[in-house]
Amino acid sequence: MAKAALLTVILLICSNIFMTFAWYGHLKLQEAGVSSNWPLIVVILVSWGIALIEYCFMVPANRIGFDGNGGPFSLIQLKVIQEVLTLVTFTIFTVIFFKGQQLHWNHFVAFVLLIFAVFFAFLDR
């Protein structure tokens, strides 16, 4: 079980890295002047290509982690883990790639509330 839990989380982290680049990477490319003249359809297709890689991690993570398949997590727990990882990945991405974006006190409060969400999602049923 511990191995499946660890593998699920690692796959979800990989998935979220690709998802973040698919959803927000084009904004950094535009800011850098790389994709400023790209038609929107090209930006969408490039993002879809990256999202395909994301799905190659997300689908196995959910299959391995889902308790209905012998994994350690319920669907709700998988979703809460995924959302927390999404926000952590997004925050790291934003701080590294978008220097003008800053974290404020309310963001930290939101992260603390997410920790509580994880706690409550993992309470015995």
Protein backbone atom coordinates (compact mmCIF):
# COMPACT_ATOMS: atom_id res chain seq x y z
CA MET A 1 0.00 0.00 0.00
CA ALA A 2 2.74 2.48 0.89
CA LYS A 3 4.44 1.83 -2.44
CA ALA A 4 1.19 2.49 -4.33
CA ALA A 5 0.61 5.67 -2.31
CA LEU A 6 4.12 6.96 -3.04
CA LEU A 7 3.89 6.07 -6.72
CA THR A 8 0.49 7.78 -6.95
CA VAL A 9 1.83 10.99 -5.43
CA ILE A 10 4.95 10.98 -7.64
CA LEU A 11 2.81 10.49 -10.76
CA LEU A 12 0.46 13.26 -9.61
CA ILE A 13 3.41 15.61 -9.10
CA CYS A 14 4.68 14.86 -12.62
CA SER A 15 1.18 15.32 -13.99
CA ASN A 16 0.79 18.67 -12.27
CA ILE A 17 4.11 19.95 -13.58
CA PHE A 18 3.02 19.24 -17.14
CA MET A 19 -0.48 20.57 -16.49
CA THR A 20 0.88 23.84 -15.14
CA PHE A 21 3.11 24.28 -18.18
CA ALA A 22 0.20 23.44 -20.50
CA TRP A 23 -2.13 25.91 -18.82
CA TYR A 24 0.25 28.76 -17.99
CA GLY A 25 3.53 28.19 -19.83
CA HIS A 26 2.22 29.95 -22.93
CA LEU A 27 1.82 33.12 -20.85
CA LYS A 28 5.53 33.03 -20.00
CA LEU A 29 6.39 32.40 -23.66
CA GLN A 30 4.23 35.36 -24.62
CA GLU A 31 5.84 37.52 -21.93
CA ALA A 32 9.28 36.52 -23.26
CA GLY A 33 8.22 37.43 -26.80
CA VAL A 34 8.51 33.86 -28.08
CA SER A 35 4.84 33.26 -28.86
CA SER A 36 3.54 36.82 -29.12
CA ASN A 37 2.71 36.40 -32.80
CA TRP A 38 1.42 32.84 -32.64
CA PRO A 39 -2.21 32.40 -33.62
CA LEU A 40 -4.38 31.27 -30.72
CA ILE A 41 -5.01 27.90 -32.38
CA VAL A 42 -1.24 27.19 -32.34
CA VAL A 43 -1.06 28.07 -28.65
CA ILE A 44 -4.01 25.76 -27.99
CA LEU A 45 -2.47 22.88 -29.96
CA VAL A 46 0.89 23.24 -28.20
CA SER A 47 -0.91 23.29 -24.85
CA TRP A 48 -2.89 20.18 -25.84
CA GLY A 49 0.35 18.42 -26.74
CA ILE A 50 1.74 19.18 -23.29
CA ALA A 51 -1.58 18.18 -21.70
CA LEU A 52 -1.36 14.80 -23.44
CA ILE A 53 1.86 14.14 -21.52
CA GLU A 54 0.07 15.29 -18.36
CA TYR A 55 -2.65 12.71 -18.94
CA CYS A 56 -0.01 10.00 -19.35
CA PHE A 57 0.85 10.61 -15.69
CA MET A 58 -2.60 11.51 -14.32
CA VAL A 59 -4.51 8.46 -15.58
CA PRO A 60 -2.04 5.90 -14.16
CA ALA A 61 -1.86 7.86 -10.89
CA ASN A 62 -5.63 7.64 -10.48
CA ARG A 63 -5.77 3.98 -11.49
CA ILE A 64 -2.96 2.98 -9.13
CA GLY A 65 -4.16 5.16 -6.26
CA PHE A 66 -7.90 4.42 -6.41
CA ASP A 67 -9.08 2.09 -3.64
CA GLY A 68 -11.53 0.50 -6.09
CA ASN A 69 -8.46 -0.84 -7.92
CA GLY A 70 -6.67 -1.92 -4.75
CA GLY A 71 -4.99 1.43 -4.17
CA PRO A 72 -4.86 3.33 -0.90
CA PHE A 73 -7.07 6.36 -1.71
CA SER A 74 -10.76 7.06 -2.16
CA LEU A 75 -11.83 9.25 -5.08
CA ILE A 76 -12.28 12.21 -2.75
CA GLN A 77 -8.83 11.71 -1.28
CA LEU A 78 -7.28 11.46 -4.75
CA LYS A 79 -8.97 14.71 -5.76
CA VAL A 80 -7.89 16.55 -2.62
CA ILE A 81 -4.29 15.36 -3.06
CA GLN A 82 -4.38 16.42 -6.71
CA GLU A 83 -5.75 19.89 -5.89
CA VAL A 84 -3.16 20.51 -3.19
CA LEU A 85 -0.38 19.40 -5.52
CA THR A 86 -1.82 21.64 -8.25
CA LEU A 87 -1.68 24.69 -6.02
CA VAL A 88 1.80 23.89 -4.72
CA THR A 89 3.09 23.29 -8.25
CA PHE A 90 1.38 26.44 -9.53
CA THR A 91 2.82 28.51 -6.68
CA ILE A 92 6.36 27.27 -7.30
CA PHE A 93 5.93 27.82 -11.06
CA THR A 94 4.62 31.36 -10.50
CA VAL A 95 7.38 32.37 -8.10
CA ILE A 96 10.10 31.00 -10.40
CA PHE A 97 8.81 32.07 -13.81
CA PHE A 98 6.72 35.16 -13.11
CA LYS A 99 8.93 37.38 -11.00
CA GLY A 100 6.29 40.13 -10.68
CA GLN A 101 3.84 37.84 -8.90
CA GLN A 102 4.12 37.87 -5.13
CA LEU A 103 2.74 35.75 -2.33
CA HIS A 104 0.76 37.61 0.33
CA TRP A 105 -0.59 36.70 3.76
CA ASN A 106 -3.95 35.63 2.35
CA HIS A 107 -2.23 33.08 0.10
CA PHE A 108 -0.57 31.52 3.12
CA VAL A 109 -3.92 31.41 4.94
CA ALA A 110 -5.38 29.65 1.90
CA PHE A 111 -2.55 27.09 2.01
CA VAL A 112 -3.18 26.44 5.70
CA LEU A 113 -6.86 25.88 4.92
CA LEU A 114 -5.82 23.40 2.23
CA ILE A 115 -3.81 21.51 4.81
CA PHE A 116 -6.99 21.32 6.88
CA ALA A 117 -8.85 20.09 3.78
CA VAL A 118 -6.34 17.25 3.45
CA PHE A 119 -6.67 16.46 7.16
CA PHE A 120 -10.46 16.29 6.95
CA ALA A 121 -10.42 14.28 3.71
CA PHE A 122 -8.27 11.65 5.39
CA LEU A 123 -10.29 11.30 8.60
CA ASP A 124 -11.73 7.83 9.08
CA ARG A 125 -15.04 7.47 7.30
